[in-house]
């Protein structure tokens, strides 16, 4: 009986995904045309991200996810994208089991398997989008300097945190943290700016990240933190 119920749920989810993909085809086609006309243009994409962000409930989540499945670099149909979440750029990947909480803002990012993002999390497209010019004025965002940040598998980002660099596997970023220095795998960081708090498994050395840019630069020392 349990197997039959599980099979039915799986079938219903598959059907809901298929229906959602059909319903978002026209908006997705608008975005495909925009990209074909200009690889850097994202105005049409931005319009539809705002529309889909405001669709409520479970139907809204299915439609939102289906739209991003067709327009981002990759978006798994086994991920969760909460109400009010906005994606700024198409150059984003969302893998299986990833959870993105309500009202999050996602720039260019690679969110790997089973990552958990609390509500109002911001993932910025690297730390170099704005510069101080010779006249002392901050420049508008320079998308040529955007880069895709990487959250390795099983990362947990707390509510309201802002992250602009890579985070190593299975690390935890505390609520409201501002992370501008790369984070080692298997640690907790918190604060503004984020600092090392502790290892999640004190008896083990942090595992090496599979992505070379997610190597450590927040690590324990006698005074609580170190930058490489």
C-alpha atoms as a PDB file:
ATOM      1  CA  UNK A   1       0.000   0.000   0.000  1.00  0.00           C
ATOM      2  CA  UNK A   2       2.820   2.365   0.921  1.00  0.00           C
ATOM      3  CA  UNK A   3       4.580   1.587  -2.351  1.00  0.00           C
ATOM      4  CA  UNK A   4       1.405   2.326  -4.295  1.00  0.00           C
ATOM      5  CA  UNK A   5       0.976   5.674  -2.540  1.00  0.00           C
ATOM      6  CA  UNK A   6       4.603   6.565  -3.214  1.00  0.00           C
ATOM      7  CA  UNK A   7       4.227   5.636  -6.874  1.00  0.00           C
ATOM      8  CA  UNK A   8       1.091   7.766  -7.152  1.00  0.00           C
ATOM      9  CA  UNK A   9       2.832  10.784  -5.604  1.00  0.00           C
ATOM     10  CA  UNK A  10       5.752  10.355  -7.977  1.00  0.00           C
ATOM     11  CA  UNK A  11       3.398  10.147 -10.964  1.00  0.00           C
ATOM     12  CA  UNK A  12       1.483  13.251  -9.861  1.00  0.00           C
ATOM     13  CA  UNK A  13       4.720  15.224  -9.440  1.00  0.00           C
ATOM     14  CA  UNK A  14       5.866  14.179 -12.902  1.00  0.00           C
ATOM     15  CA  UNK A  15       2.519  15.222 -14.375  1.00  0.00           C
ATOM     16  CA  UNK A  16       2.649  18.580 -12.551  1.00  0.00           C
ATOM     17  CA  UNK A  17       6.149  19.209 -13.911  1.00  0.00           C
ATOM     18  CA  UNK A  18       5.091  18.390 -17.467  1.00  0.00           C
ATOM     19  CA  UNK A  19       2.024  20.643 -17.282  1.00  0.00           C
ATOM     20  CA  UNK A  20       4.135  23.450 -15.813  1.00  0.00           C
ATOM     21  CA  UNK A  21       6.719  23.156 -18.585  1.00  0.00           C
ATOM     22  CA  UNK A  22       3.986  23.509 -21.201  1.00  0.00           C
ATOM     23  CA  UNK A  23       2.465  26.543 -19.452  1.00  0.00           C
ATOM     24  CA  UNK A  24       5.786  28.437 -19.308  1.00  0.00           C
ATOM     25  CA  UNK A  25       6.834  27.750 -22.894  1.00  0.00           C
ATOM     26  CA  UNK A  26       5.786  31.160 -24.235  1.00  0.00           C
ATOM     27  CA  UNK A  27       7.640  33.239 -21.600  1.00  0.00           C
ATOM     28  CA  UNK A  28      10.664  30.959 -21.958  1.00  0.00           C
ATOM     29  CA  UNK A  29      10.556  31.382 -25.755  1.00  0.00           C
ATOM     30  CA  UNK A  30      10.637  35.178 -25.258  1.00  0.00           C
ATOM     31  CA  UNK A  31      13.833  34.754 -23.235  1.00  0.00           C
ATOM     32  CA  UNK A  32      15.375  32.414 -25.814  1.00  0.00           C
ATOM     33  CA  UNK A  33      14.715  35.002 -28.536  1.00  0.00           C
ATOM     34  CA  UNK A  34      16.226  37.771 -26.415  1.00  0.00           C
ATOM     35  CA  UNK A  35      19.359  35.699 -25.819  1.00  0.00           C
ATOM     36  CA  UNK A  36      19.646  34.890 -29.512  1.00  0.00           C
ATOM     37  CA  UNK A  37      19.430  38.573 -30.434  1.00  0.00           C
ATOM     38  CA  UNK A  38      21.918  39.635 -27.748  1.00  0.00           C
ATOM     39  CA  UNK A  39      23.797  37.282 -25.435  1.00  0.00           C
ATOM     40  CA  UNK A  40      24.121  40.009 -22.761  1.00  0.00           C
ATOM     41  CA  UNK A  41      20.529  41.284 -22.871  1.00  0.00           C
ATOM     42  CA  UNK A  42      18.422  40.218 -19.888  1.00  0.00           C
ATOM     43  CA  UNK A  43      15.563  42.723 -19.836  1.00  0.00           C
ATOM     44  CA  UNK A  44      12.921  40.260 -20.983  1.00  0.00           C
ATOM     45  CA  UNK A  45      14.309  37.598 -18.668  1.00  0.00           C
ATOM     46  CA  UNK A  46      14.179  40.082 -15.789  1.00  0.00           C
ATOM     47  CA  UNK A  47      10.539  40.931 -16.543  1.00  0.00           C
ATOM     48  CA  UNK A  48       9.459  37.298 -16.396  1.00  0.00           C
ATOM     49  CA  UNK A  49      11.478  36.569 -13.261  1.00  0.00           C
ATOM     50  CA  UNK A  50       9.446  39.273 -11.498  1.00  0.00           C
ATOM     51  CA  UNK A  51       6.188  37.803 -12.793  1.00  0.00           C
ATOM     52  CA  UNK A  52       6.971  34.237 -11.721  1.00  0.00           C
ATOM     53  CA  UNK A  53       8.362  35.363  -8.359  1.00  0.00           C
ATOM     54  CA  UNK A  54       4.871  36.529  -7.348  1.00  0.00           C
ATOM     55  CA  UNK A  55       2.944  33.354  -8.182  1.00  0.00           C
ATOM     56  CA  UNK A  56       1.694  31.962  -4.853  1.00  0.00           C
ATOM     57  CA  UNK A  57       1.536  28.504  -3.328  1.00  0.00           C
ATOM     58  CA  UNK A  58       2.648  25.160  -4.689  1.00  0.00           C
ATOM     59  CA  UNK A  59       1.387  25.867  -8.247  1.00  0.00           C
ATOM     60  CA  UNK A  60       3.552  28.996  -8.255  1.00  0.00           C
ATOM     61  CA  UNK A  61       6.598  27.007  -7.183  1.00  0.00           C
ATOM     62  CA  UNK A  62       6.062  24.465  -9.968  1.00  0.00           C
ATOM     63  CA  UNK A  63       5.679  27.196 -12.595  1.00  0.00           C
ATOM     64  CA  UNK A  64       8.662  29.161 -11.269  1.00  0.00           C
ATOM     65  CA  UNK A  65      10.885  26.098 -11.314  1.00  0.00           C
ATOM     66  CA  UNK A  66       9.706  25.085 -14.797  1.00  0.00           C
ATOM     67  CA  UNK A  67      10.474  28.558 -16.155  1.00  0.00           C
ATOM     68  CA  UNK A  68      13.989  28.474 -14.727  1.00  0.00           C
ATOM     69  CA  UNK A  69      14.458  24.917 -15.974  1.00  0.00           C
ATOM     70  CA  UNK A  70      14.012  26.295 -19.491  1.00  0.00           C
ATOM     71  CA  UNK A  71      15.935  29.563 -19.126  1.00  0.00           C
ATOM     72  CA  UNK A  72      18.857  29.175 -16.688  1.00  0.00           C
ATOM     73  CA  UNK A  73      22.061  27.322 -17.532  1.00  0.00           C
ATOM     74  CA  UNK A  74      20.518  24.499 -15.512  1.00  0.00           C
ATOM     75  CA  UNK A  75      17.689  24.173 -12.997  1.00  0.00           C
ATOM     76  CA  UNK A  76      16.675  20.784 -11.644  1.00  0.00           C
ATOM     77  CA  UNK A  77      13.008  19.854 -11.511  1.00  0.00           C
ATOM     78  CA  UNK A  78      13.867  18.332  -8.128  1.00  0.00           C
ATOM     79  CA  UNK A  79      14.764  21.648  -6.530  1.00  0.00           C
ATOM     80  CA  UNK A  80      12.601  24.142  -4.593  1.00  0.00           C
ATOM     81  CA  UNK A  81      12.408  27.865  -5.384  1.00  0.00           C
ATOM     82  CA  UNK A  82      10.441  29.908  -2.878  1.00  0.00           C
ATOM     83  CA  UNK A  83       7.940  32.739  -3.336  1.00  0.00           C
ATOM     84  CA  UNK A  84       9.456  36.127  -4.139  1.00  0.00           C
ATOM     85  CA  UNK A  85      12.799  34.702  -5.245  1.00  0.00           C
ATOM     86  CA  UNK A  86      14.475  36.566  -8.115  1.00  0.00           C
ATOM     87  CA  UNK A  87      17.267  35.409 -10.422  1.00  0.00           C
ATOM     88  CA  UNK A  88      19.250  38.339 -11.843  1.00  0.00           C
ATOM     89  CA  UNK A  89      21.144  36.421 -14.523  1.00  0.00           C
ATOM     90  CA  UNK A  90      20.658  33.369 -16.693  1.00  0.00           C
ATOM     91  CA  UNK A  91      24.191  32.189 -15.884  1.00  0.00           C
ATOM     92  CA  UNK A  92      23.040  30.165 -12.869  1.00  0.00           C
ATOM     93  CA  UNK A  93      22.815  26.475 -12.061  1.00  0.00           C
ATOM     94  CA  UNK A  94      20.516  24.884  -9.463  1.00  0.00           C
ATOM     95  CA  UNK A  95      21.084  21.174  -8.813  1.00  0.00           C
ATOM     96  CA  UNK A  96      18.942  18.355  -7.358  1.00  0.00           C
ATOM     97  CA  UNK A  97      17.645  18.795  -3.839  1.00  0.00           C
ATOM     98  CA  UNK A  98      18.595  22.479  -3.584  1.00  0.00           C
ATOM     99  CA  UNK A  99      16.193  24.598  -1.495  1.00  0.00           C
ATOM    100  CA  UNK A 100      15.992  28.364  -2.046  1.00  0.00           C
ATOM    101  CA  UNK A 101      13.901  30.163   0.557  1.00  0.00           C
ATOM    102  CA  UNK A 102      11.376  32.975  -0.053  1.00  0.00           C
ATOM    103  CA  UNK A 103      12.528  36.418  -1.193  1.00  0.00           C
ATOM    104  CA  UNK A 104      16.056  35.332  -2.045  1.00  0.00           C
ATOM    105  CA  UNK A 105      18.071  37.219  -4.658  1.00  0.00           C
ATOM    106  CA  UNK A 106      20.319  35.066  -6.830  1.00  0.00           C
ATOM    107  CA  UNK A 107      22.965  36.546  -9.112  1.00  0.00           C
ATOM    108  CA  UNK A 108      25.316  34.351 -11.113  1.00  0.00           C
ATOM    109  CA  UNK A 109      25.747  31.223  -8.989  1.00  0.00           C
ATOM    110  CA  UNK A 110      26.162  27.465  -9.062  1.00  0.00           C
ATOM    111  CA  UNK A 111      24.028  26.009  -6.269  1.00  0.00           C
ATOM    112  CA  UNK A 112      25.008  22.382  -5.954  1.00  0.00           C
ATOM    113  CA  UNK A 113      23.120  19.370  -4.627  1.00  0.00           C
ATOM    114  CA  UNK A 114      21.180  19.639  -1.354  1.00  0.00           C
ATOM    115  CA  UNK A 115      22.188  23.228  -0.625  1.00  0.00           C
ATOM    116  CA  UNK A 116      19.787  25.018   1.733  1.00  0.00           C
ATOM    117  CA  UNK A 117      19.264  28.781   1.414  1.00  0.00           C
ATOM    118  CA  UNK A 118      17.162  30.530   4.034  1.00  0.00           C
ATOM    119  CA  UNK A 119      14.755  33.345   3.248  1.00  0.00           C
ATOM    120  CA  UNK A 120      16.136  36.675   1.986  1.00  0.00           C
ATOM    121  CA  UNK A 121      19.533  35.247   1.104  1.00  0.00           C
ATOM    122  CA  UNK A 122      21.546  37.210  -1.459  1.00  0.00           C
ATOM    123  CA  UNK A 123      24.071  35.503  -3.721  1.00  0.00           C
ATOM    124  CA  UNK A 124      26.028  38.198  -5.538  1.00  0.00           C
ATOM    125  CA  UNK A 125      27.895  37.723  -8.804  1.00  0.00           C
ATOM    126  CA  UNK A 126      31.317  38.096  -7.207  1.00  0.00           C
ATOM    127  CA  UNK A 127      32.793  41.083  -5.307  1.00  0.00           C
ATOM    128  CA  UNK A 128      33.986  43.198  -8.285  1.00  0.00           C
ATOM    129  CA  UNK A 129      30.813  44.477  -9.953  1.00  0.00           C
ATOM    130  CA  UNK A 130      31.255  48.052  -8.700  1.00  0.00           C
ATOM    131  CA  UNK A 131      34.455  50.132  -8.579  1.00  0.00           C
ATOM    132  CA  UNK A 132      35.408  53.572  -7.296  1.00  0.00           C
ATOM    133  CA  UNK A 133      36.368  55.694 -10.317  1.00  0.00           C
ATOM    134  CA  UNK A 134      39.029  58.424 -10.444  1.00  0.00           C
ATOM    135  CA  UNK A 135      36.424  61.036  -9.482  1.00  0.00           C
ATOM    136  CA  UNK A 136      35.470  59.141  -6.324  1.00  0.00           C
ATOM    137  CA  UNK A 137      32.157  57.882  -7.706  1.00  0.00           C
ATOM    138  CA  UNK A 138      30.955  54.286  -7.558  1.00  0.00           C
ATOM    139  CA  UNK A 139      30.444  52.915 -11.052  1.00  0.00           C
ATOM    140  CA  UNK A 140      27.288  51.077 -12.200  1.00  0.00           C
ATOM    141  CA  UNK A 141      27.473  47.297 -12.238  1.00  0.00           C
ATOM    142  CA  UNK A 142      30.050  46.086 -14.751  1.00  0.00           C
ATOM    143  CA  UNK A 143      28.688  42.720 -15.879  1.00  0.00           C
ATOM    144  CA  UNK A 144      31.944  41.932 -17.672  1.00  0.00           C
ATOM    145  CA  UNK A 145      33.428  41.476 -14.171  1.00  0.00           C
ATOM    146  CA  UNK A 146      30.636  39.243 -12.898  1.00  0.00           C
ATOM    147  CA  UNK A 147      31.631  35.710 -12.022  1.00  0.00           C
ATOM    148  CA  UNK A 148      29.683  32.616 -11.090  1.00  0.00           C
ATOM    149  CA  UNK A 149      30.138  31.868  -7.396  1.00  0.00           C
ATOM    150  CA  UNK A 150      29.928  28.243  -6.293  1.00  0.00           C
ATOM    151  CA  UNK A 151      28.104  26.753  -3.320  1.00  0.00           C
ATOM    152  CA  UNK A 152      29.431  23.226  -3.013  1.00  0.00           C
ATOM    153  CA  UNK A 153      27.171  20.314  -2.021  1.00  0.00           C
ATOM    154  CA  UNK A 154      25.259  20.427   1.302  1.00  0.00           C
ATOM    155  CA  UNK A 155      25.982  24.086   2.082  1.00  0.00           C
ATOM    156  CA  UNK A 156      23.529  25.818   4.437  1.00  0.00           C
ATOM    157  CA  UNK A 157      23.136  29.595   4.134  1.00  0.00           C
ATOM    158  CA  UNK A 158      21.249  31.233   7.014  1.00  0.00           C
ATOM    159  CA  UNK A 159      18.438  33.764   6.663  1.00  0.00           C
ATOM    160  CA  UNK A 160      19.409  37.196   5.377  1.00  0.00           C
ATOM    161  CA  UNK A 161      23.028  36.286   4.622  1.00  0.00           C
ATOM    162  CA  UNK A 162      24.893  37.898   1.721  1.00  0.00           C
ATOM    163  CA  UNK A 163      27.466  35.779  -0.092  1.00  0.00           C
ATOM    164  CA  UNK A 164      29.760  36.968  -2.881  1.00  0.00           C
ATOM    165  CA  UNK A 165      32.389  34.188  -2.927  1.00  0.00           C
ATOM    166  CA  UNK A 166      32.624  30.395  -3.065  1.00  0.00           C
ATOM    167  CA  UNK A 167      31.555  28.300  -0.074  1.00  0.00           C
ATOM    168  CA  UNK A 168      33.060  24.854   0.529  1.00  0.00           C
ATOM    169  CA  UNK A 169      31.145  21.613   0.904  1.00  0.00           C
ATOM    170  CA  UNK A 170      28.848  21.144   3.916  1.00  0.00           C
ATOM    171  CA  UNK A 171      29.691  24.508   5.460  1.00  0.00           C
ATOM    172  CA  UNK A 172      27.227  26.692   7.351  1.00  0.00           C
ATOM    173  CA  UNK A 173      26.928  30.457   6.922  1.00  0.00           C
ATOM    174  CA  UNK A 174      25.203  32.115   9.873  1.00  0.00           C
ATOM    175  CA  UNK A 175      22.087  34.269   9.764  1.00  0.00           C
ATOM    176  CA  UNK A 176      22.797  37.780   8.490  1.00  0.00           C
ATOM    177  CA  UNK A 177      26.443  37.043   7.683  1.00  0.00           C
ATOM    178  CA  UNK A 178      28.266  38.975   4.967  1.00  0.00           C
ATOM    179  CA  UNK A 179      30.731  36.634   3.267  1.00  0.00           C
ATOM    180  CA  UNK A 180      33.395  38.274   1.125  1.00  0.00           C
ATOM    181  CA  UNK A 181      36.239  35.775   1.715  1.00  0.00           C
ATOM    182  CA  UNK A 182      36.176  32.197   0.440  1.00  0.00           C
ATOM    183  CA  UNK A 183      34.970  29.643   2.952  1.00  0.00           C
ATOM    184  CA  UNK A 184      36.603  26.290   3.713  1.00  0.00           C
ATOM    185  CA  UNK A 185      34.602  23.059   3.549  1.00  0.00           C
ATOM    186  CA  UNK A 186      33.044  21.774   6.764  1.00  0.00           C
ATOM    187  CA  UNK A 187      33.108  24.948   8.885  1.00  0.00           C
ATOM    188  CA  UNK A 188      30.730  27.480  10.416  1.00  0.00           C
ATOM    189  CA  UNK A 189      31.214  31.193   9.669  1.00  0.00           C
ATOM    190  CA  UNK A 190      29.152  34.104  10.961  1.00  0.00           C
ATOM    191  CA  UNK A 191      29.166  37.866  11.387  1.00  0.00           C
ATOM    192  CA  UNK A 192      29.733  40.979   9.285  1.00  0.00           C
ATOM    193  CA  UNK A 193      32.283  40.497   7.874  1.00  0.00           C
ATOM    194  CA  UNK A 194      32.031  36.720   8.275  1.00  0.00           C
ATOM    195  CA  UNK A 195      34.605  35.070  10.536  1.00  0.00           C
ATOM    196  CA  UNK A 196      35.445  31.468  11.357  1.00  0.00           C
ATOM    197  CA  UNK A 197      33.394  30.113  14.295  1.00  0.00           C
ATOM    198  CA  UNK A 198      34.173  26.404  14.470  1.00  0.00           C
ATOM    199  CA  UNK A 199      34.594  23.204  12.519  1.00  0.00           C
ATOM    200  CA  UNK A 200      31.458  21.139  12.169  1.00  0.00           C
ATOM    201  CA  UNK A 201      33.487  17.996  12.912  1.00  0.00           C
ATOM    202  CA  UNK A 202      36.220  19.076  15.327  1.00  0.00           C
ATOM    203  CA  UNK A 203      37.933  15.676  15.198  1.00  0.00           C
ATOM    204  CA  UNK A 204      38.485  15.873  11.435  1.00  0.00           C
ATOM    205  CA  UNK A 205      40.339  18.140   9.058  1.00  0.00           C
ATOM    206  CA  UNK A 206      37.952  19.924   6.670  1.00  0.00           C
ATOM    207  CA  UNK A 207      37.512  17.984   3.452  1.00  0.00           C
ATOM    208  CA  UNK A 208      39.100  19.479   0.359  1.00  0.00           C
ATOM    209  CA  UNK A 209      36.633  21.086  -2.018  1.00  0.00           C
ATOM    210  CA  UNK A 210      36.158  19.574  -5.446  1.00  0.00           C
ATOM    211  CA  UNK A 211      36.243  23.080  -6.950  1.00  0.00           C
ATOM    212  CA  UNK A 212      39.588  24.837  -6.760  1.00  0.00           C
ATOM    213  CA  UNK A 213      37.980  28.236  -6.111  1.00  0.00           C
ATOM    214  CA  UNK A 214      36.174  26.877  -3.057  1.00  0.00           C
ATOM    215  CA  UNK A 215      39.396  26.213  -1.159  1.00  0.00           C
ATOM    216  CA  UNK A 216      39.806  27.694   2.281  1.00  0.00           C
ATOM    217  CA  UNK A 217      40.488  31.272   3.170  1.00  0.00           C
ATOM    218  CA  UNK A 218      38.538  31.370   6.418  1.00  0.00           C
ATOM    219  CA  UNK A 219      40.261  28.995   8.818  1.00  0.00           C
ATOM    220  CA  UNK A 220      40.913  28.655  12.560  1.00  0.00           C
ATOM    221  CA  UNK A 221      43.895  30.209  14.317  1.00  0.00           C
ATOM    222  CA  UNK A 222      44.636  31.210  17.870  1.00  0.00           C
ATOM    223  CA  UNK A 223      42.908  34.576  17.470  1.00  0.00           C
ATOM    224  CA  UNK A 224      39.796  33.065  15.897  1.00  0.00           C
ATOM    225  CA  UNK A 225      40.276  33.776  12.191  1.00  0.00           C
ATOM    226  CA  UNK A 226      42.822  33.959   9.408  1.00  0.00           C
ATOM    227  CA  UNK A 227      42.799  35.140   5.779  1.00  0.00           C
ATOM    228  CA  UNK A 228      45.065  33.456   3.275  1.00  0.00           C
END
